[in-house]
Amino acid sequence: MRNRTGARLRGLLASSAWLAASACCGALAGTPAIAPSSLPRIGTVDERFQSYNIEMIEITGGRFWKPYRPEPGVLLARPPRSGLDAPAGMASNLYQYRPPIDLANARLRKLAAALAPAYMRVSGTWANSTYFAGRDKSPSAPPAGFNGILTRKQWRGVVGFSQAVNASIVTSFAVSPGARDAAGAWKPDQANRLLAYTRSIGGRIAAAEFMNEPNLAEMGGAPAGYDATAYARDFEIFHAFMKQTSGKTLILGPGTVGEPAIASDLLASAPGIDAVSYHYYGALSERCSGKSTPDAALSEAWLSGTDRTQAFYQALRDKFEPGKPIWLTETADAACGGNPWAVTFLDTFRYLDQLGRLARAGVQVVMHNTLAASDYGLLDDRTLQPRPKYWGALLWRQLMGTTVLDAGLPNQSGLHVYAHCQRGMSGSVVLLTINTDRDAPHALTLPTASVRYTLDAANLLDEQARLNGRPLALSARGELPTITGAPAPAGTVTFAPATISFLAIAEAGNKACQ
């Protein structure tokens, strides 16, 4: 008892010291005021808005992005003799073999379930050329025209995980030469086999893209010279097949990455989709000779890239599929596995700011890449310990509801504010306030008391986040800590430099939230 009491006292003292430090500066010049009771509703997002990817290569095992730092144990396991060494045009030394992810792992399931409800997208570059075995006994090597094998046992694991953690399955299908007829047209037999088996074991595919990133089709395993004309032919076959075979599965497309010129042609070639999907990365990672930008990671130039790419796809949506929802089905700090600083607190700013921007813009679903693989994962893939942005994801899940409000403040240097109705609390409002200023505090004036949840770290490149000054960590038994806030009185609320705060305002009385 004495040890527990002492630990509790130390925690309260640490929290009190942090709160005193955060409130030290008093009212700041030009402090904006927000009236939570009158913030207007500007839209809603899907209940599974915050979602994630588990790459197909994680399910099957194979060569994925090589860690920046050597990792002992499982990632150094002996690779099989078959499988893709590297996607077309990519250097093999960028990759390292990893065995299949253990989707039955109790910690993985517990941490994923804490983010539910969600979508889990099982796709990625390697899905384009993965063969789904028709029987429990799989071939020892992929058939001609494929580069990997998905076993029935592995897919049963996907369905079981989906059901256990309340994460609906999104996927795509093989489009490599092995999935084509003699004339080069796509054949639905592999897709039909996967859909039929999923149904037979009580699972369901909630949504599907035809293929992963058709603007990089050849790199992803499609036949050489694959273009928008070939995509249009194949998509017509795919669309008819899906509507006949799995009519309740939402069809997404085109699933392109970046803002390629071909995106317009591909979307024009895919009439009848249920939602416009796209992928976004702010940069290529160091791993792929991109420029790592930790010094600019809090800049408006870096963070607003989310807006620019969203606007690009919204314009295409308005032209070809007016009124259809938009899904961002793959995103992280940087393509090619993420930058080295993706594992630190610094990337939490990008993660939460991106969710705030996209919800405000009306995007319905955002799927982070990945849940637990490579440097951009929410979880460390070796230990399954939460990374800082996982704690940001958990706070978003617990506090931010599906009704989006207009906070009335445009993003400006140092202060980004997003508003939602609070999850499960009638009339209550939550403000997500991000101070991107590394040196100066910023503040808001509120007429109502709130409960404050502030994330920070000892330094921006720390791999441990703190909540109201207390380190966030799993217990020795792997249990999540209880997430509790600290009371903040009405008046000026000050945010220390480089911090992220959620303010839950239970007494807002906002009619849009009732």
Protein backbone atom coordinates (compact mmCIF):
# COMPACT_ATOMS: atom_id res chain seq x y z
CA MET A 1 0.00 0.00 0.00
CA ARG A 2 2.80 2.40 0.92
CA ASN A 3 4.47 1.89 -2.49
CA ARG A 4 1.22 2.49 -4.35
CA THR A 5 0.45 5.58 -2.29
CA GLY A 6 3.95 6.93 -2.86
CA ALA A 7 3.72 6.35 -6.59
CA ARG A 8 0.34 8.07 -6.70
CA LEU A 9 1.67 11.03 -4.77
CA ARG A 10 4.68 11.37 -7.04
CA GLY A 11 2.35 11.27 -10.04
CA LEU A 12 0.11 13.98 -8.59
CA LEU A 13 3.09 16.15 -7.77
CA ALA A 14 4.48 15.72 -11.29
CA SER A 15 1.09 16.56 -12.79
CA SER A 16 0.66 19.59 -10.51
CA ALA A 17 4.14 20.85 -11.38
CA TRP A 18 3.42 20.46 -15.07
CA LEU A 19 0.09 22.28 -14.81
CA ALA A 20 1.71 25.12 -12.90
CA ALA A 21 4.41 25.43 -15.54
CA SER A 22 1.87 25.37 -18.39
CA ALA A 23 -0.15 28.16 -16.80
CA CYS A 24 2.84 30.29 -15.88
CA CYS A 25 2.57 32.82 -18.60
CA GLY A 26 -0.91 34.23 -17.98
CA ALA A 27 -2.84 35.94 -20.73
CA LEU A 28 -0.95 36.49 -23.94
CA ALA A 29 -1.30 39.48 -26.22
CA GLY A 30 -3.86 38.93 -28.96
CA THR A 31 -5.29 35.79 -27.34
CA PRO A 32 -8.20 34.54 -29.48
CA ALA A 33 -11.50 33.65 -27.79
CA ILE A 34 -13.72 30.67 -28.59
CA ALA A 35 -17.36 30.25 -27.57
CA PRO A 36 -17.85 26.44 -27.54
CA SER A 37 -21.63 26.68 -27.13
CA SER A 38 -22.09 28.32 -30.52
CA LEU A 39 -19.60 26.53 -32.73
CA PRO A 40 -21.52 25.46 -35.87
CA ARG A 41 -21.63 21.95 -37.26
CA ILE A 42 -19.79 21.68 -40.57
CA GLY A 43 -20.06 17.95 -41.21
CA THR A 44 -19.60 14.43 -39.94
CA VAL A 45 -17.02 11.70 -40.44
CA ASP A 46 -17.34 7.93 -40.58
CA GLU A 47 -17.44 6.22 -37.17
CA ARG A 48 -14.31 4.38 -38.38
CA PHE A 49 -12.64 7.64 -39.43
CA GLN A 50 -9.37 6.83 -37.66
CA SER A 51 -8.12 3.59 -39.22
CA TYR A 52 -4.91 1.80 -40.18
CA ASN A 53 -3.11 -0.48 -42.61
CA ILE A 54 -1.69 -3.93 -42.03
CA GLU A 55 0.28 -4.54 -45.21
CA MET A 56 -0.28 -7.76 -47.16
CA ILE A 57 3.45 -8.47 -46.86
CA GLU A 58 3.03 -8.45 -43.07
CA ILE A 59 0.36 -11.16 -43.36
CA THR A 60 2.32 -13.41 -45.71
CA GLY A 61 5.82 -12.62 -44.46
CA GLY A 62 8.44 -11.32 -46.85
CA ARG A 63 10.84 -8.51 -47.54
CA PHE A 64 9.60 -5.19 -46.19
CA TRP A 65 11.37 -1.91 -45.42
CA LYS A 66 14.70 -2.48 -43.71
CA PRO A 67 14.94 -0.82 -40.27
CA TYR A 68 17.29 2.13 -39.85
CA ARG A 69 18.63 0.52 -36.71
CA PRO A 70 19.51 -3.19 -36.56
CA GLU A 71 16.80 -5.10 -34.73
CA PRO A 72 17.61 -8.39 -33.02
CA GLY A 73 15.33 -11.39 -33.07
CA VAL A 74 12.38 -11.90 -35.34
CA LEU A 75 13.34 -9.55 -38.15
CA LEU A 76 16.55 -11.51 -38.71
CA ALA A 77 14.74 -14.81 -39.24
CA ARG A 78 15.82 -16.94 -42.18
CA PRO A 79 13.81 -15.95 -45.26
CA PRO A 80 12.09 -18.48 -47.53
CA ARG A 81 13.56 -19.22 -50.92
CA SER A 82 10.57 -17.93 -52.84
CA GLY A 83 8.97 -14.50 -53.00
CA LEU A 84 9.66 -11.03 -54.33
CA ASP A 85 13.15 -9.70 -53.62
CA ALA A 86 12.07 -6.08 -54.29
CA PRO A 87 9.36 -4.28 -56.27
CA ALA A 88 10.29 -3.45 -59.85
CA GLY A 89 12.76 -0.58 -60.04
CA MET A 90 13.59 -0.65 -56.32
CA ALA A 91 16.97 -1.62 -54.83
CA SER A 92 16.88 -4.88 -52.88
CA ASN A 93 19.06 -3.47 -50.09
CA LEU A 94 16.12 -1.28 -48.98
CA TYR A 95 14.32 -4.37 -47.74
CA GLN A 96 14.71 -7.03 -45.08
CA TYR A 97 12.81 -10.24 -44.51
CA ARG A 98 10.24 -10.40 -41.73
CA PRO A 99 8.08 -13.39 -40.81
CA PRO A 100 4.28 -13.13 -40.82
CA ILE A 101 2.79 -10.92 -38.13
CA ASP A 102 1.14 -12.77 -35.25
CA LEU A 103 -2.41 -11.44 -35.38
CA ALA A 104 -3.36 -13.62 -32.41
CA ASN A 105 -0.92 -11.75 -30.14
CA ALA A 106 -2.87 -10.60 -27.07
CA ARG A 107 -1.07 -7.23 -26.77
CA LEU A 108 -1.53 -6.42 -30.45
CA ARG A 109 -5.23 -7.19 -30.21
CA LYS A 110 -5.66 -5.18 -27.02
CA LEU A 111 -3.97 -2.10 -28.46
CA ALA A 112 -5.84 -2.34 -31.76
CA ALA A 113 -9.18 -2.85 -30.00
CA ALA A 114 -8.58 0.36 -28.02
CA LEU A 115 -8.78 2.25 -31.33
CA ALA A 116 -12.02 0.58 -32.44
CA PRO A 117 -14.19 0.90 -34.36
CA ALA A 118 -11.80 1.13 -37.29
CA TYR A 119 -11.06 -0.17 -40.74
CA MET A 120 -8.00 -2.33 -41.29
CA ARG A 121 -6.69 -2.22 -44.84
CA VAL A 122 -4.79 -5.32 -45.95
CA SER A 123 -3.22 -4.23 -49.21
CA GLY A 124 -0.06 -2.41 -50.32
CA THR A 125 2.36 -2.91 -53.19
CA TRP A 126 2.85 -6.61 -52.52
CA ALA A 127 -0.90 -7.34 -52.65
CA ASN A 128 -0.85 -6.68 -56.39
CA SER A 129 1.06 -9.91 -57.02
CA THR A 130 0.06 -12.18 -54.12
CA TYR A 131 -1.52 -15.55 -54.91
CA PHE A 132 -4.33 -16.76 -52.63
CA ALA A 133 -4.08 -20.50 -52.16
CA GLY A 134 -7.30 -22.43 -52.73
CA ARG A 135 -6.53 -25.18 -50.21
CA ASP A 136 -5.01 -25.42 -46.76
CA LYS A 137 -1.91 -27.02 -48.26
CA SER A 138 -0.25 -24.22 -50.20
CA PRO A 139 2.30 -24.51 -52.99
CA SER A 140 5.93 -24.21 -51.93
CA ALA A 141 6.51 -21.39 -54.42
CA PRO A 142 4.19 -18.83 -56.04
CA PRO A 143 2.64 -19.95 -59.34
CA ALA A 144 3.90 -18.28 -62.52
CA GLY A 145 2.90 -14.63 -62.68
CA PHE A 146 2.76 -14.14 -58.89
CA ASN A 147 5.40 -13.08 -56.37
CA GLY A 148 3.97 -14.22 -53.04
CA ILE A 149 1.52 -16.61 -51.39
CA LEU A 150 -1.32 -15.87 -49.00
CA THR A 151 -2.39 -19.05 -47.22
CA ARG A 152 -5.88 -19.81 -46.00
CA LYS A 153 -4.55 -20.03 -42.45
CA GLN A 154 -3.09 -16.53 -42.76
CA TRP A 155 -6.35 -15.12 -44.08
CA ARG A 156 -8.27 -16.84 -41.29
CA GLY A 157 -5.98 -14.90 -38.97
CA VAL A 158 -6.95 -11.65 -40.70
CA VAL A 159 -10.67 -12.39 -40.33
CA GLY A 160 -10.24 -13.46 -36.72
CA PHE A 161 -8.29 -10.31 -35.88
CA SER A 162 -10.87 -8.14 -37.63
CA GLN A 163 -13.67 -9.63 -35.58
CA ALA A 164 -11.76 -9.55 -32.30
CA VAL A 165 -10.78 -5.86 -32.52
CA ASN A 166 -13.81 -4.47 -34.42
CA ALA A 167 -11.81 -3.46 -37.49
CA SER A 168 -13.67 -3.97 -40.77
CA ILE A 169 -11.54 -5.35 -43.62
CA VAL A 170 -10.55 -3.28 -46.65
CA THR A 171 -8.39 -4.90 -49.31
CA SER A 172 -7.35 -5.01 -52.97
CA PHE A 173 -6.68 -7.86 -55.38
CA ALA A 174 -3.92 -9.41 -57.42
CA VAL A 175 -3.40 -7.80 -60.85
CA SER A 176 -0.05 -9.33 -61.86
CA PRO A 177 0.37 -11.45 -65.02
CA GLY A 178 -0.79 -14.58 -63.17
CA ALA A 179 -4.20 -12.98 -62.65
CA ARG A 180 -4.77 -12.40 -66.37
CA ASP A 181 -6.07 -14.29 -69.39
CA ALA A 182 -4.19 -14.93 -72.62
CA ALA A 183 -5.22 -11.53 -73.97
CA GLY A 184 -3.89 -9.77 -70.88
CA ALA A 185 -7.28 -8.89 -69.36
CA TRP A 186 -7.83 -9.22 -65.62
CA LYS A 187 -9.52 -12.43 -64.42
CA PRO A 188 -11.65 -12.36 -61.24
CA ASP A 189 -10.91 -15.98 -60.21
CA GLN A 190 -8.39 -15.01 -57.49
CA ALA A 191 -10.69 -12.30 -56.13
CA ASN A 192 -13.63 -14.70 -56.23
CA ARG A 193 -11.65 -17.30 -54.29
CA LEU A 194 -10.73 -14.79 -51.56
CA LEU A 195 -14.28 -13.43 -51.27
CA ALA A 196 -15.85 -16.90 -51.16
CA TYR A 197 -13.43 -18.13 -48.51
CA THR A 198 -13.99 -15.01 -46.42
CA ARG A 199 -17.72 -15.62 -46.45
CA SER A 200 -17.26 -19.31 -45.62
CA ILE A 201 -15.48 -18.48 -42.35
CA GLY A 202 -17.96 -15.80 -41.30
CA GLY A 203 -15.96 -12.79 -42.48
CA ARG A 204 -16.77 -9.86 -44.70
CA ILE A 205 -14.89 -7.48 -46.97
CA ALA A 206 -16.27 -4.02 -46.13
CA ALA A 207 -14.54 -2.17 -48.99
CA ALA A 208 -12.06 -2.85 -51.77
CA GLU A 209 -9.84 -1.03 -54.22
CA PHE A 210 -9.24 -2.85 -57.48
CA MET A 211 -5.46 -2.59 -57.06
CA ASN A 212 -2.87 -0.72 -55.06
CA GLU A 213 -1.59 2.55 -56.58
CA PRO A 214 -2.38 2.12 -60.29
CA ASN A 215 -0.22 5.14 -61.12
CA LEU A 216 2.75 2.96 -60.08
CA ALA A 217 1.28 -0.16 -61.66
CA GLU A 218 4.41 -1.71 -63.16
CA MET A 219 6.40 -1.20 -59.96
CA GLY A 220 3.54 -2.85 -58.14
CA GLY A 221 3.59 -5.99 -60.26
CA ALA A 222 1.19 -5.17 -63.12
CA PRO A 223 2.27 -6.07 -66.67
CA ALA A 224 4.83 -3.84 -68.36
CA GLY A 225 3.27 -0.84 -70.05
CA TYR A 226 0.10 -0.97 -67.97
CA ASP A 227 -1.76 2.31 -68.53
CA ALA A 228 -5.11 4.06 -68.06
CA THR A 229 -6.62 2.24 -71.05
CA ALA A 230 -5.74 -1.15 -69.55
CA TYR A 231 -7.03 0.02 -66.18
CA ALA A 232 -10.37 1.09 -67.71
CA ARG A 233 -10.81 -2.34 -69.33
CA ASP A 234 -9.95 -4.17 -66.12
CA PHE A 235 -11.96 -1.91 -63.84
CA GLU A 236 -15.10 -2.54 -65.87
CA ILE A 237 -14.62 -6.28 -65.33
CA PHE A 238 -13.86 -5.72 -61.64
CA HIS A 239 -16.87 -3.48 -61.05
CA ALA A 240 -19.33 -5.88 -62.67
CA PHE A 241 -17.83 -8.83 -60.79
CA MET A 242 -17.98 -7.09 -57.40
CA LYS A 243 -21.57 -5.90 -57.82
CA GLN A 244 -22.66 -9.41 -58.73
CA THR A 245 -20.55 -11.31 -56.21
CA SER A 246 -20.20 -9.01 -53.20
CA GLY A 247 -22.78 -6.29 -53.66
CA LYS A 248 -22.47 -4.84 -50.15
CA THR A 249 -18.70 -4.29 -50.47
CA LEU A 250 -17.92 -0.63 -51.13
CA ILE A 251 -15.82 -0.05 -54.23
CA LEU A 252 -13.03 2.48 -53.77
CA GLY A 253 -10.81 4.08 -56.38
CA PRO A 254 -8.50 4.96 -57.90
CA GLY A 255 -6.15 4.60 -54.88
CA THR A 256 -3.37 6.61 -56.50
CA VAL A 257 -0.50 8.13 -54.53
CA GLY A 258 0.44 11.82 -54.66
CA GLU A 259 -1.02 14.08 -57.33
CA PRO A 260 -0.15 12.31 -60.58
CA ALA A 261 -1.51 13.58 -63.88
CA ILE A 262 -2.82 10.10 -64.64
CA ALA A 263 -5.17 10.25 -61.63
CA SER A 264 -7.72 12.14 -63.71
CA ASP A 265 -7.65 9.50 -66.46
CA LEU A 266 -7.89 6.67 -63.94
CA LEU A 267 -10.86 8.18 -62.12
CA ALA A 268 -12.59 8.89 -65.40
CA SER A 269 -12.04 5.22 -66.25
CA ALA A 270 -13.69 3.99 -63.05
CA PRO A 271 -17.34 5.08 -63.11
CA GLY A 272 -19.59 3.83 -60.36
CA ILE A 273 -17.19 3.84 -57.42
CA ASP A 274 -18.70 4.26 -53.97
CA ALA A 275 -15.89 6.47 -52.64
CA VAL A 276 -12.87 8.28 -54.07
CA SER A 277 -9.67 6.93 -52.51
CA TYR A 278 -6.11 8.21 -52.57
CA HIS A 279 -2.76 7.92 -50.79
CA TYR A 280 -0.66 10.72 -49.35
CA TYR A 281 2.89 10.99 -48.04
CA GLY A 282 4.57 14.29 -47.35
CA ALA A 283 7.91 13.04 -48.67
CA LEU A 284 10.07 10.08 -49.56
CA SER A 285 11.95 8.77 -46.57
CA GLU A 286 15.71 8.85 -46.13
CA ARG A 287 15.60 5.15 -46.95
CA CYS A 288 14.57 6.04 -50.50
CA SER A 289 16.97 9.01 -50.77
CA GLY A 290 14.31 11.49 -49.75
CA LYS A 291 14.98 14.55 -47.65
CA SER A 292 14.34 14.08 -43.95
CA THR A 293 12.90 17.28 -42.50
CA PRO A 294 12.69 17.12 -38.69
CA ASP A 295 13.56 20.82 -38.49
CA ALA A 296 10.56 21.64 -40.68
CA ALA A 297 8.18 19.05 -39.21
CA LEU A 298 6.16 21.68 -37.33
CA SER A 299 6.08 24.19 -40.17
CA GLU A 300 2.89 25.16 -41.95
CA ALA A 301 4.60 24.39 -45.27
CA TRP A 302 5.05 20.75 -44.20
CA LEU A 303 1.72 20.25 -42.43
CA SER A 304 -0.39 21.97 -45.10
CA GLY A 305 0.68 19.43 -47.71
CA THR A 306 -2.25 17.41 -46.42
CA ASP A 307 -4.61 20.18 -47.54
CA ARG A 308 -3.07 20.56 -50.98
CA THR A 309 -3.35 16.88 -51.86
CA GLN A 310 -6.85 16.61 -50.41
CA ALA A 311 -7.94 19.59 -52.53
CA PHE A 312 -6.50 17.89 -55.63
CA TYR A 313 -8.64 14.79 -55.10
CA GLN A 314 -11.69 16.79 -54.07
CA ALA A 315 -11.51 18.62 -57.40
CA LEU A 316 -11.33 15.28 -59.23
CA ARG A 317 -14.22 13.96 -57.15
CA ASP A 318 -16.32 17.02 -57.95
CA LYS A 319 -15.60 16.57 -61.65
CA PHE A 320 -16.14 12.82 -62.04
CA GLU A 321 -18.04 11.57 -58.98
CA PRO A 322 -19.81 14.59 -57.41
CA GLY A 323 -21.11 13.97 -53.93
CA LYS A 324 -19.16 10.76 -53.35
CA PRO A 325 -17.23 10.46 -50.07
CA ILE A 326 -13.43 10.69 -50.02
CA TRP A 327 -11.21 8.17 -48.23
CA LEU A 328 -7.48 8.53 -47.59
CA THR A 329 -6.54 4.83 -47.58
CA GLU A 330 -2.79 5.14 -46.95
CA THR A 331 -0.74 7.86 -45.28
CA ALA A 332 2.23 8.46 -42.98
CA ASP A 333 5.06 10.95 -42.58
CA ALA A 334 7.07 9.58 -45.51
CA ALA A 335 6.81 6.81 -48.09
CA CYS A 336 9.26 3.88 -47.99
CA GLY A 337 8.69 3.00 -44.34
CA GLY A 338 8.89 6.46 -42.77
CA ASN A 339 11.78 8.63 -41.63
CA PRO A 340 13.91 7.86 -38.55
CA TRP A 341 12.04 10.48 -36.51
CA ALA A 342 8.67 8.87 -37.27
CA VAL A 343 9.13 6.84 -34.07
CA THR A 344 9.42 9.98 -31.93
CA PHE A 345 6.99 12.45 -30.38
CA LEU A 346 7.66 14.83 -33.26
CA ASP A 347 5.51 12.81 -35.68
CA THR A 348 2.52 13.01 -33.33
CA PHE A 349 2.00 16.61 -34.50
CA ARG A 350 1.72 15.52 -38.13
CA TYR A 351 -0.57 12.63 -37.22
CA LEU A 352 -3.12 14.59 -35.17
CA ASP A 353 -2.95 17.74 -37.29
CA GLN A 354 -3.66 15.60 -40.35
CA LEU A 355 -6.73 14.06 -38.71
CA GLY A 356 -7.98 17.51 -37.74
CA ARG A 357 -7.48 18.98 -41.20
CA LEU A 358 -9.05 16.07 -43.05
CA ALA A 359 -12.09 15.81 -40.78
CA ARG A 360 -12.65 19.55 -41.25
CA ALA A 361 -12.38 19.08 -45.03
CA GLY A 362 -14.97 16.30 -45.04
CA VAL A 363 -12.70 13.29 -45.68
CA GLN A 364 -14.54 10.30 -44.24
CA VAL A 365 -11.78 7.80 -43.46
CA VAL A 366 -8.03 8.13 -42.81
CA MET A 367 -5.92 4.94 -42.76
CA HIS A 368 -2.50 5.31 -41.22
CA ASN A 369 0.33 3.20 -42.57
CA THR A 370 0.91 1.08 -40.51
CA LEU A 371 -0.47 -0.33 -37.28
CA ALA A 372 2.73 -2.18 -36.40
CA ALA A 373 5.37 -2.37 -39.13
CA SER A 374 8.44 -0.31 -39.97
CA ASP A 375 9.32 3.12 -38.61
CA TYR A 376 5.99 4.73 -39.43
CA GLY A 377 3.95 2.19 -37.41
CA LEU A 378 1.79 3.27 -34.49
CA LEU A 379 3.39 0.42 -32.55
CA ASP A 380 6.98 -0.82 -32.42
CA ASP A 381 6.94 -3.93 -34.60
CA ARG A 382 9.40 -5.83 -32.39
CA THR A 383 8.07 -5.07 -28.90
CA LEU A 384 4.51 -3.91 -29.72
CA GLN A 385 5.09 -0.97 -27.38
CA PRO A 386 3.04 2.12 -28.28
CA ARG A 387 4.91 4.89 -30.04
CA PRO A 388 4.04 8.49 -29.17
CA LYS A 389 1.51 8.87 -31.97
CA TYR A 390 -0.36 5.81 -30.71
CA TRP A 391 -1.16 7.78 -27.56
CA GLY A 392 -2.38 10.61 -29.80
CA ALA A 393 -4.56 8.10 -31.64
CA LEU A 394 -5.95 6.79 -28.36
CA LEU A 395 -6.87 10.27 -27.15
CA TRP A 396 -8.53 11.05 -30.48
CA ARG A 397 -10.53 7.82 -30.22
CA GLN A 398 -11.65 8.48 -26.65
CA LEU A 399 -12.51 12.16 -27.05
CA MET A 400 -13.27 13.20 -30.64
CA GLY A 401 -16.74 12.35 -31.90
CA THR A 402 -17.98 12.07 -35.47
CA THR A 403 -19.63 15.52 -35.62
CA VAL A 404 -17.16 18.14 -36.85
CA LEU A 405 -17.51 21.77 -35.75
CA ASP A 406 -16.04 24.98 -37.09
CA ALA A 407 -13.58 26.24 -34.46
CA GLY A 408 -13.64 29.64 -36.18
CA LEU A 409 -9.86 30.02 -36.22
CA PRO A 410 -7.83 29.48 -39.39
CA ASN A 411 -4.55 27.62 -38.97
CA GLN A 412 -1.78 30.09 -38.28
CA SER A 413 1.84 29.86 -37.32
CA GLY A 414 1.96 28.37 -33.85
CA LEU A 415 -1.73 27.66 -33.27
CA HIS A 416 -3.94 25.05 -34.94
CA VAL A 417 -7.39 24.49 -33.42
CA TYR A 418 -9.92 21.81 -34.45
CA ALA A 419 -13.33 21.20 -32.85
CA HIS A 420 -15.61 18.16 -32.63
CA CYS A 421 -18.52 17.13 -30.49
CA GLN A 422 -17.20 14.97 -27.68
CA ARG A 423 -17.66 11.26 -28.17
CA GLY A 424 -20.56 9.93 -26.11
CA MET A 425 -21.29 13.23 -24.31
CA SER A 426 -24.43 15.17 -25.27
CA GLY A 427 -23.80 18.88 -25.76
CA SER A 428 -20.08 18.56 -25.00
CA VAL A 429 -17.33 19.96 -27.24
CA VAL A 430 -13.68 18.96 -27.59
CA LEU A 431 -11.02 21.32 -28.90
CA LEU A 432 -7.80 19.87 -30.29
CA THR A 433 -5.24 22.64 -29.93
CA ILE A 434 -1.77 22.14 -31.39
CA ASN A 435 1.00 24.61 -30.55
CA THR A 436 3.51 24.14 -33.36
CA ASP A 437 5.69 26.96 -32.08
CA ARG A 438 8.91 25.47 -30.67
CA ASP A 439 9.78 28.54 -28.61
CA ALA A 440 6.71 30.48 -27.53
CA PRO A 441 3.48 29.64 -25.67
CA HIS A 442 0.09 30.34 -27.22
CA ALA A 443 -3.31 30.68 -25.57
CA LEU A 444 -7.08 30.64 -25.99
CA THR A 445 -9.75 32.33 -23.92
CA LEU A 446 -12.71 30.11 -23.03
CA PRO A 447 -15.85 31.12 -21.13
CA THR A 448 -16.32 27.65 -19.69
CA ALA A 449 -14.19 25.29 -17.61
CA SER A 450 -12.73 22.26 -19.35
CA VAL A 451 -10.80 19.07 -18.73
CA ARG A 452 -7.35 19.22 -20.25
CA TYR A 453 -5.27 16.44 -21.80
CA THR A 454 -1.87 17.72 -22.93
CA LEU A 455 0.72 15.60 -24.73
CA ASP A 456 4.37 16.58 -24.69
CA ALA A 457 7.80 14.98 -24.36
CA ALA A 458 11.14 15.71 -22.72
CA ASN A 459 12.27 16.70 -26.20
CA LEU A 460 10.67 16.44 -29.60
CA LEU A 461 12.81 13.47 -30.63
CA ASP A 462 11.98 11.52 -27.49
CA GLU A 463 10.32 8.13 -28.06
CA GLN A 464 8.13 8.49 -24.96
CA ALA A 465 5.18 10.84 -24.70
CA ARG A 466 3.78 12.39 -21.52
CA LEU A 467 0.17 13.19 -20.61
CA ASN A 468 -0.13 16.26 -18.37
CA GLY A 469 3.49 15.79 -17.41
CA ARG A 470 3.28 12.06 -16.60
CA PRO A 471 4.97 9.45 -18.84
CA LEU A 472 2.59 7.27 -20.83
CA ALA A 473 3.42 3.57 -20.82
CA LEU A 474 1.85 0.14 -20.62
CA SER A 475 1.89 -1.55 -17.24
CA ALA A 476 4.23 -4.44 -16.50
CA ARG A 477 1.36 -6.74 -17.53
CA GLY A 478 0.82 -4.89 -20.79
CA GLU A 479 -2.31 -3.02 -19.70
CA LEU A 480 -3.16 0.44 -21.00
CA PRO A 481 -3.11 3.18 -18.38
CA THR A 482 -6.29 4.98 -17.41
CA ILE A 483 -6.47 8.19 -19.41
CA THR A 484 -7.50 11.06 -17.15
CA GLY A 485 -7.42 14.80 -17.70
CA ALA A 486 -6.80 17.75 -15.40
CA PRO A 487 -9.32 20.51 -14.67
CA ALA A 488 -8.76 23.84 -16.42
CA PRO A 489 -10.79 26.83 -15.20
CA ALA A 490 -12.59 29.23 -17.49
CA GLY A 491 -10.52 32.10 -18.80
CA THR A 492 -7.15 32.05 -20.49
CA VAL A 493 -5.76 28.57 -21.22
CA THR A 494 -2.08 28.63 -22.10
CA PHE A 495 -0.30 26.01 -24.21
CA ALA A 496 3.41 25.55 -23.74
CA PRO A 497 5.68 25.44 -26.81
CA ALA A 498 5.50 22.28 -28.94
CA THR A 499 2.55 20.69 -27.15
CA ILE A 500 -0.73 19.07 -28.19
CA SER A 501 -3.82 19.57 -26.03
CA PHE A 502 -7.37 18.24 -26.04
CA LEU A 503 -9.84 20.35 -24.07
CA ALA A 504 -13.09 18.56 -23.20
CA ILE A 505 -15.81 21.10 -22.43
CA ALA A 506 -18.69 19.18 -20.87
CA GLU A 507 -20.78 22.26 -20.09
CA ALA A 508 -20.60 23.71 -23.60
CA GLY A 509 -24.29 23.03 -24.23
CA ASN A 510 -23.72 23.02 -27.99
CA LYS A 511 -27.01 22.18 -29.74
CA ALA A 512 -25.17 20.62 -32.67
CA CYS A 513 -23.81 18.04 -30.23
CA GLN A 514 -27.15 16.99 -28.76
